[in-house]
Amino acid sequence: MYHYLKWAALSLFFRRNLRYLLLIVISIAGIYISDALYEDMARFSALSGESANIGRYLLMKWAAVLFFTAVIAWSIMRLGLRVSKSPEKKDNIKTAQNDPYLKRLEKFKTKRSLRSESDIVIESHKKGKKREI
């Protein structure tokens, strides 16, 4: 049962935060690509004898790295945050009622009372004592 709850929570997390997770993945790829481009351009400049441009390439590389790092930090801060833009709670309730993932999680939230035979015997014994007094 907990297995299904974990998968439901994980799928809900991915569904709600897909754009931020994609931004993180794209930014990490951007950092690696900018580093590879700098290496290629620096090697090309050294081979062609234009070593004056290496400083510009390094500056562009670090500008890209800082930009992608800022995007990653912003995306991580936004993960999991749900800011409602409307102050009305009725819209949020309607959205929660229509969301199939939240419906699937709702069945795990409701507490079911499990009564064993011993609970039934204790309750009947308590009722019997009340009648005697």
N, C-alpha and C. Protein backbone atom coordinates (compact mmCIF):
# COMPACT_ATOMS: atom_id res chain seq x y z
N MET A 1 0.82 -1.18 0.00
CA MET A 1 0.00 0.00 0.00
C MET A 1 0.87 1.26 0.00
N TYR A 2 1.95 1.24 0.78
CA TYR A 2 2.83 2.41 0.81
C TYR A 2 3.54 2.61 -0.52
N HIS A 3 3.73 1.52 -1.24
CA HIS A 3 4.36 1.59 -2.55
C HIS A 3 3.54 2.48 -3.49
N TYR A 4 2.23 2.30 -3.46
CA TYR A 4 1.35 3.11 -4.31
C TYR A 4 1.34 4.56 -3.86
N LEU A 5 1.40 4.77 -2.56
CA LEU A 5 1.41 6.13 -2.04
C LEU A 5 2.68 6.86 -2.47
N LYS A 6 3.82 6.17 -2.42
CA LYS A 6 5.07 6.79 -2.85
C LYS A 6 5.02 7.14 -4.33
N TRP A 7 4.51 6.24 -5.15
CA TRP A 7 4.44 6.52 -6.59
C TRP A 7 3.45 7.63 -6.89
N ALA A 8 2.35 7.68 -6.15
CA ALA A 8 1.38 8.75 -6.36
C ALA A 8 1.97 10.10 -5.98
N ALA A 9 2.68 10.14 -4.87
CA ALA A 9 3.30 11.40 -4.45
C ALA A 9 4.40 11.82 -5.42
N LEU A 10 5.18 10.86 -5.90
CA LEU A 10 6.24 11.17 -6.85
C LEU A 10 5.67 11.67 -8.18
N SER A 11 4.61 11.02 -8.65
CA SER A 11 4.01 11.47 -9.91
C SER A 11 3.37 12.85 -9.76
N LEU A 12 2.81 13.13 -8.59
CA LEU A 12 2.24 14.46 -8.34
C LEU A 12 3.33 15.51 -8.31
N PHE A 13 4.46 15.19 -7.67
CA PHE A 13 5.59 16.12 -7.62
C PHE A 13 6.11 16.42 -9.02
N PHE A 14 6.29 15.37 -9.85
CA PHE A 14 6.79 15.58 -11.21
C PHE A 14 5.79 16.34 -12.06
N ARG A 15 4.51 16.07 -11.87
CA ARG A 15 3.49 16.74 -12.67
C ARG A 15 3.46 18.24 -12.36
N ARG A 16 3.55 18.58 -11.08
CA ARG A 16 3.46 19.98 -10.68
C ARG A 16 4.74 20.76 -10.96
N ASN A 17 5.89 20.10 -10.95
CA ASN A 17 7.16 20.80 -11.05
C ASN A 17 7.93 20.46 -12.32
N LEU A 18 7.26 19.99 -13.34
CA LEU A 18 7.94 19.55 -14.55
C LEU A 18 8.71 20.67 -15.22
N ARG A 19 8.16 21.87 -15.28
CA ARG A 19 8.85 22.97 -15.96
C ARG A 19 10.13 23.37 -15.24
N TYR A 20 10.10 23.36 -13.91
CA TYR A 20 11.30 23.72 -13.15
C TYR A 20 12.37 22.63 -13.26
N LEU A 21 11.93 21.36 -13.26
CA LEU A 21 12.89 20.28 -13.42
C LEU A 21 13.52 20.31 -14.81
N LEU A 22 12.73 20.64 -15.82
CA LEU A 22 13.28 20.76 -17.18
C LEU A 22 14.25 21.94 -17.27
N LEU A 23 13.94 23.03 -16.61
CA LEU A 23 14.86 24.17 -16.60
C LEU A 23 16.19 23.80 -15.94
N ILE A 24 16.14 23.01 -14.88
CA ILE A 24 17.36 22.58 -14.22
C ILE A 24 18.20 21.71 -15.15
N VAL A 25 17.55 20.76 -15.81
CA VAL A 25 18.28 19.86 -16.72
C VAL A 25 18.86 20.64 -17.90
N ILE A 26 18.08 21.55 -18.47
CA ILE A 26 18.57 22.34 -19.61
C ILE A 26 19.72 23.25 -19.18
N SER A 27 19.63 23.81 -17.97
CA SER A 27 20.70 24.69 -17.48
C SER A 27 21.99 23.92 -17.23
N ILE A 28 21.87 22.71 -16.70
CA ILE A 28 23.07 21.89 -16.50
C ILE A 28 23.71 21.56 -17.85
N ALA A 29 22.87 21.22 -18.82
CA ALA A 29 23.39 20.96 -20.16
C ALA A 29 24.02 22.22 -20.75
N GLY A 30 23.43 23.38 -20.50
CA GLY A 30 23.98 24.64 -20.99
C GLY A 30 25.35 24.94 -20.40
N ILE A 31 25.53 24.60 -19.12
CA ILE A 31 26.84 24.82 -18.50
C ILE A 31 27.89 23.93 -19.16
N TYR A 32 27.56 22.67 -19.39
CA TYR A 32 28.51 21.77 -20.03
C TYR A 32 28.80 22.18 -21.48
N ILE A 33 27.79 22.64 -22.19
CA ILE A 33 27.99 23.06 -23.58
C ILE A 33 28.85 24.32 -23.64
N SER A 34 28.60 25.28 -22.73
CA SER A 34 29.41 26.51 -22.75
C SER A 34 30.88 26.19 -22.42
N ASP A 35 31.10 25.23 -21.51
CA ASP A 35 32.48 24.84 -21.20
C ASP A 35 33.14 24.17 -22.41
N ALA A 36 32.41 23.31 -23.10
CA ALA A 36 32.96 22.64 -24.28
C ALA A 36 33.24 23.64 -25.40
N LEU A 37 32.35 24.61 -25.59
CA LEU A 37 32.58 25.63 -26.61
C LEU A 37 33.80 26.48 -26.29
N TYR A 38 33.97 26.82 -25.02
CA TYR A 38 35.15 27.60 -24.63
C TYR A 38 36.43 26.82 -24.91
N GLU A 39 36.43 25.55 -24.56
CA GLU A 39 37.62 24.72 -24.81
C GLU A 39 37.95 24.70 -26.30
N ASP A 40 36.91 24.49 -27.14
CA ASP A 40 37.14 24.44 -28.58
C ASP A 40 37.62 25.78 -29.13
N MET A 41 36.99 26.86 -28.70
CA MET A 41 37.37 28.18 -29.21
C MET A 41 38.76 28.58 -28.71
N ALA A 42 39.11 28.25 -27.47
CA ALA A 42 40.45 28.57 -26.96
C ALA A 42 41.51 27.76 -27.71
N ARG A 43 41.23 26.49 -27.98
CA ARG A 43 42.16 25.66 -28.72
C ARG A 43 42.32 26.18 -30.16
N PHE A 44 41.19 26.57 -30.77
CA PHE A 44 41.24 27.11 -32.13
C PHE A 44 42.03 28.42 -32.17
N SER A 45 41.81 29.29 -31.17
CA SER A 45 42.54 30.57 -31.12
C SER A 45 44.03 30.34 -30.93
N ALA A 46 44.39 29.37 -30.11
CA ALA A 46 45.81 29.08 -29.88
C ALA A 46 46.46 28.52 -31.15
N LEU A 47 45.73 27.69 -31.88
CA LEU A 47 46.29 27.11 -33.11
C LEU A 47 46.39 28.14 -34.23
N SER A 48 45.43 29.05 -34.29
CA SER A 48 45.44 30.04 -35.37
C SER A 48 46.30 31.25 -35.03
N GLY A 49 46.76 31.36 -33.80
CA GLY A 49 47.63 32.46 -33.43
C GLY A 49 46.90 33.70 -32.95
N GLU A 50 45.63 33.64 -32.75
CA GLU A 50 44.84 34.78 -32.26
C GLU A 50 44.57 34.61 -30.76
N SER A 51 45.60 34.64 -29.97
CA SER A 51 45.44 34.40 -28.54
C SER A 51 44.82 35.59 -27.80
N ALA A 52 44.63 36.70 -28.47
CA ALA A 52 44.01 37.88 -27.84
C ALA A 52 42.52 37.65 -27.58
N ASN A 53 41.90 36.75 -28.34
CA ASN A 53 40.46 36.51 -28.20
C ASN A 53 40.12 35.55 -27.06
N ILE A 54 41.11 34.91 -26.47
CA ILE A 54 40.83 33.92 -25.43
C ILE A 54 40.18 34.57 -24.21
N GLY A 55 40.55 35.78 -23.90
CA GLY A 55 39.94 36.51 -22.78
C GLY A 55 38.46 36.75 -23.01
N ARG A 56 38.11 37.10 -24.22
CA ARG A 56 36.68 37.32 -24.55
C ARG A 56 35.91 36.01 -24.45
N TYR A 57 36.51 34.93 -24.92
CA TYR A 57 35.84 33.63 -24.86
C TYR A 57 35.63 33.19 -23.41
N LEU A 58 36.64 33.47 -22.59
CA LEU A 58 36.52 33.13 -21.17
C LEU A 58 35.43 33.97 -20.51
N LEU A 59 35.33 35.22 -20.86
CA LEU A 59 34.29 36.09 -20.31
C LEU A 59 32.90 35.61 -20.73
N MET A 60 32.75 35.24 -22.00
CA MET A 60 31.46 34.73 -22.48
C MET A 60 31.10 33.41 -21.79
N LYS A 61 32.12 32.56 -21.58
CA LYS A 61 31.86 31.29 -20.91
C LYS A 61 31.35 31.53 -19.50
N TRP A 62 32.01 32.41 -18.73
CA TRP A 62 31.60 32.64 -17.36
C TRP A 62 30.27 33.39 -17.28
N ALA A 63 29.97 34.21 -18.25
CA ALA A 63 28.65 34.85 -18.29
C ALA A 63 27.55 33.80 -18.46
N ALA A 64 27.80 32.84 -19.37
CA ALA A 64 26.83 31.76 -19.58
C ALA A 64 26.71 30.88 -18.34
N VAL A 65 27.84 30.56 -17.72
CA VAL A 65 27.82 29.72 -16.52
C VAL A 65 27.06 30.42 -15.39
N LEU A 66 27.29 31.70 -15.18
CA LEU A 66 26.59 32.43 -14.13
C LEU A 66 25.10 32.54 -14.42
N PHE A 67 24.75 32.75 -15.70
CA PHE A 67 23.34 32.82 -16.06
C PHE A 67 22.65 31.48 -15.79
N PHE A 68 23.25 30.39 -16.24
CA PHE A 68 22.64 29.08 -16.03
C PHE A 68 22.61 28.71 -14.55
N THR A 69 23.59 29.13 -13.79
CA THR A 69 23.59 28.88 -12.35
C THR A 69 22.46 29.65 -11.68
N ALA A 70 22.21 30.87 -12.12
CA ALA A 70 21.10 31.65 -11.57
C ALA A 70 19.77 31.00 -11.91
N VAL A 71 19.64 30.47 -13.13
CA VAL A 71 18.40 29.78 -13.52
C VAL A 71 18.21 28.53 -12.67
N ILE A 72 19.29 27.80 -12.40
CA ILE A 72 19.18 26.60 -11.56
C ILE A 72 18.77 26.99 -10.14
N ALA A 73 19.37 28.02 -9.58
CA ALA A 73 19.03 28.45 -8.22
C ALA A 73 17.57 28.91 -8.15
N TRP A 74 17.13 29.66 -9.13
CA TRP A 74 15.73 30.12 -9.15
C TRP A 74 14.77 28.93 -9.27
N SER A 75 15.12 27.95 -10.11
CA SER A 75 14.25 26.79 -10.29
C SER A 75 14.18 25.96 -9.03
N ILE A 76 15.30 25.80 -8.34
CA ILE A 76 15.30 25.03 -7.10
C ILE A 76 14.47 25.72 -6.03
N MET A 77 14.54 27.04 -5.99
CA MET A 77 13.74 27.77 -5.00
C MET A 77 12.25 27.66 -5.31
N ARG A 78 11.90 27.52 -6.57
CA ARG A 78 10.50 27.44 -6.95
C ARG A 78 9.92 26.03 -6.85
N LEU A 79 10.77 25.02 -6.69
CA LEU A 79 10.29 23.65 -6.60
C LEU A 79 9.39 23.47 -5.39
N GLY A 80 8.25 22.91 -5.63
CA GLY A 80 7.36 22.59 -4.53
C GLY A 80 6.54 23.74 -4.00
N LEU A 81 6.81 24.95 -4.40
CA LEU A 81 6.04 26.09 -3.91
C LEU A 81 4.79 26.25 -4.75
N ARG A 82 3.66 26.36 -4.07
CA ARG A 82 2.40 26.59 -4.77
C ARG A 82 1.83 27.90 -4.26
N VAL A 83 1.98 28.95 -5.06
CA VAL A 83 1.47 30.25 -4.67
C VAL A 83 0.15 30.45 -5.40
N SER A 84 -0.92 30.59 -4.63
CA SER A 84 -2.21 30.80 -5.26
C SER A 84 -2.34 32.28 -5.60
N LYS A 85 -2.74 32.53 -6.82
CA LYS A 85 -2.83 33.91 -7.28
C LYS A 85 -4.17 34.53 -6.91
N SER A 86 -5.18 33.72 -6.68
CA SER A 86 -6.48 34.26 -6.28
C SER A 86 -6.69 33.98 -4.80
N PRO A 87 -7.21 34.97 -4.08
CA PRO A 87 -7.40 34.78 -2.65
C PRO A 87 -8.57 33.85 -2.31
N GLU A 88 -9.40 33.55 -3.29
CA GLU A 88 -10.56 32.71 -3.02
C GLU A 88 -10.14 31.26 -2.90
N LYS A 89 -10.61 30.64 -1.85
CA LYS A 89 -10.28 29.23 -1.63
C LYS A 89 -11.20 28.32 -2.42
N LYS A 90 -12.29 28.84 -2.90
CA LYS A 90 -13.23 28.01 -3.65
C LYS A 90 -12.61 27.52 -4.95
N ASP A 91 -11.81 28.36 -5.60
CA ASP A 91 -11.14 27.94 -6.82
C ASP A 91 -10.14 26.83 -6.54
N ASN A 92 -9.43 26.95 -5.42
CA ASN A 92 -8.47 25.92 -5.06
C ASN A 92 -9.17 24.60 -4.74
N ILE A 93 -10.32 24.68 -4.09
CA ILE A 93 -11.07 23.47 -3.77
C ILE A 93 -11.59 22.82 -5.04
N LYS A 94 -12.08 23.63 -5.98
CA LYS A 94 -12.55 23.06 -7.25
C LYS A 94 -11.41 22.42 -8.03
N THR A 95 -10.26 23.07 -8.00
CA THR A 95 -9.10 22.51 -8.68
C THR A 95 -8.68 21.20 -8.03
N ALA A 96 -8.73 21.15 -6.71
CA ALA A 96 -8.34 19.94 -6.00
C ALA A 96 -9.34 18.81 -6.26
N GLN A 97 -10.62 19.16 -6.43
CA GLN A 97 -11.62 18.13 -6.69
C GLN A 97 -11.49 17.57 -8.09
N ASN A 98 -11.03 18.37 -9.04
CA ASN A 98 -10.90 17.92 -10.42
C ASN A 98 -9.57 17.24 -10.70
N ASP A 99 -8.62 17.37 -9.81
CA ASP A 99 -7.28 16.81 -10.03
C ASP A 99 -7.30 15.31 -9.74
N PRO A 100 -7.03 14.46 -10.75
CA PRO A 100 -7.09 13.01 -10.52
C PRO A 100 -5.99 12.53 -9.58
N TYR A 101 -4.86 13.21 -9.56
CA TYR A 101 -3.77 12.80 -8.67
C TYR A 101 -4.14 13.04 -7.22
N LEU A 102 -4.79 14.19 -6.95
CA LEU A 102 -5.20 14.46 -5.59
C LEU A 102 -6.31 13.53 -5.14
N LYS A 103 -7.18 13.13 -6.08
CA LYS A 103 -8.21 12.16 -5.74
C LYS A 103 -7.58 10.83 -5.35
N ARG A 104 -6.53 10.46 -6.05
CA ARG A 104 -5.86 9.19 -5.76
C ARG A 104 -5.19 9.26 -4.39
N LEU A 105 -4.64 10.42 -4.03
CA LEU A 105 -4.01 10.56 -2.73
C LEU A 105 -5.05 10.69 -1.60
N GLU A 106 -6.24 11.13 -1.93
CA GLU A 106 -7.27 11.36 -0.92
C GLU A 106 -7.67 10.06 -0.23
N LYS A 107 -7.66 8.96 -0.95
CA LYS A 107 -8.07 7.71 -0.33
C LYS A 107 -7.08 7.26 0.74
N PHE A 108 -5.83 7.74 0.67
CA PHE A 108 -4.86 7.40 1.69
C PHE A 108 -4.95 8.35 2.88
N LYS A 109 -5.53 9.53 2.68
CA LYS A 109 -5.64 10.50 3.76
C LYS A 109 -6.76 10.14 4.72
N THR A 110 -7.83 9.56 4.21
CA THR A 110 -8.98 9.27 5.07
C THR A 110 -8.64 8.11 5.99
N LYS A 111 -8.93 8.30 7.25
CA LYS A 111 -8.62 7.29 8.26
C LYS A 111 -9.74 6.27 8.30
N ARG A 112 -9.35 5.05 8.15
CA ARG A 112 -10.32 3.96 8.26
C ARG A 112 -10.17 3.37 9.65
N SER A 113 -11.28 3.11 10.28
CA SER A 113 -11.18 2.52 11.61
C SER A 113 -11.15 1.00 11.45
N LEU A 114 -10.08 0.43 11.91
CA LEU A 114 -9.94 -1.02 11.89
C LEU A 114 -10.26 -1.52 13.28
N ARG A 115 -11.24 -2.41 13.35
CA ARG A 115 -11.64 -2.94 14.64
C ARG A 115 -11.34 -4.43 14.66
N SER A 116 -10.58 -4.80 15.64
CA SER A 116 -10.29 -6.22 15.80
C SER A 116 -11.32 -6.84 16.74
N GLU A 117 -11.21 -8.14 16.89
CA GLU A 117 -12.15 -8.81 17.79
C GLU A 117 -11.98 -8.33 19.21
N SER A 118 -10.75 -8.03 19.60
CA SER A 118 -10.53 -7.56 20.97
C SER A 118 -11.18 -6.20 21.20
N ASP A 119 -11.17 -5.33 20.18
CA ASP A 119 -11.84 -4.03 20.32
C ASP A 119 -13.35 -4.22 20.49
N ILE A 120 -13.91 -5.15 19.77
CA ILE A 120 -15.36 -5.41 19.87
C ILE A 120 -15.70 -5.96 21.24
N VAL A 121 -14.88 -6.87 21.77
CA VAL A 121 -15.12 -7.44 23.09
C VAL A 121 -15.01 -6.37 24.16
N ILE A 122 -14.00 -5.49 24.05
CA ILE A 122 -13.83 -4.42 25.04
C ILE A 122 -15.01 -3.47 25.00
N GLU A 123 -15.47 -3.11 23.81
CA GLU A 123 -16.62 -2.20 23.70
C GLU A 123 -17.88 -2.83 24.27
N SER A 124 -18.09 -4.09 23.98
CA SER A 124 -19.29 -4.75 24.53
C SER A 124 -19.18 -4.88 26.04
N HIS A 125 -17.98 -5.09 26.56
CA HIS A 125 -17.78 -5.19 28.00
C HIS A 125 -18.04 -3.84 28.67
N LYS A 126 -17.60 -2.75 28.03
CA LYS A 126 -17.85 -1.42 28.58
C LYS A 126 -19.32 -1.10 28.59
N LYS A 127 -20.03 -1.49 27.52
CA LYS A 127 -21.47 -1.25 27.47
C LYS A 127 -22.20 -2.05 28.52
N GLY A 128 -21.73 -3.25 28.78
CA GLY A 128 -22.33 -4.10 29.80
C GLY A 128 -22.15 -3.52 31.18
N LYS A 129 -21.01 -2.94 31.50
CA LYS A 129 -20.77 -2.35 32.81
C LYS A 129 -21.62 -1.10 33.03
N LYS A 130 -21.83 -0.36 31.98
CA LYS A 130 -22.64 0.85 32.11
C LYS A 130 -24.08 0.49 32.46
N ARG A 131 -24.54 -0.61 31.93
CA ARG A 131 -25.90 -1.03 32.20
C ARG A 131 -26.06 -1.52 33.65
N GLU A 132 -25.00 -2.09 34.18
CA GLU A 132 -25.09 -2.62 35.55
C GLU A 132 -25.13 -1.50 36.58
N ILE A 133 -24.51 -0.40 36.29
CA ILE A 133 -24.46 0.70 37.28
C ILE A 133 -25.73 1.45 37.25
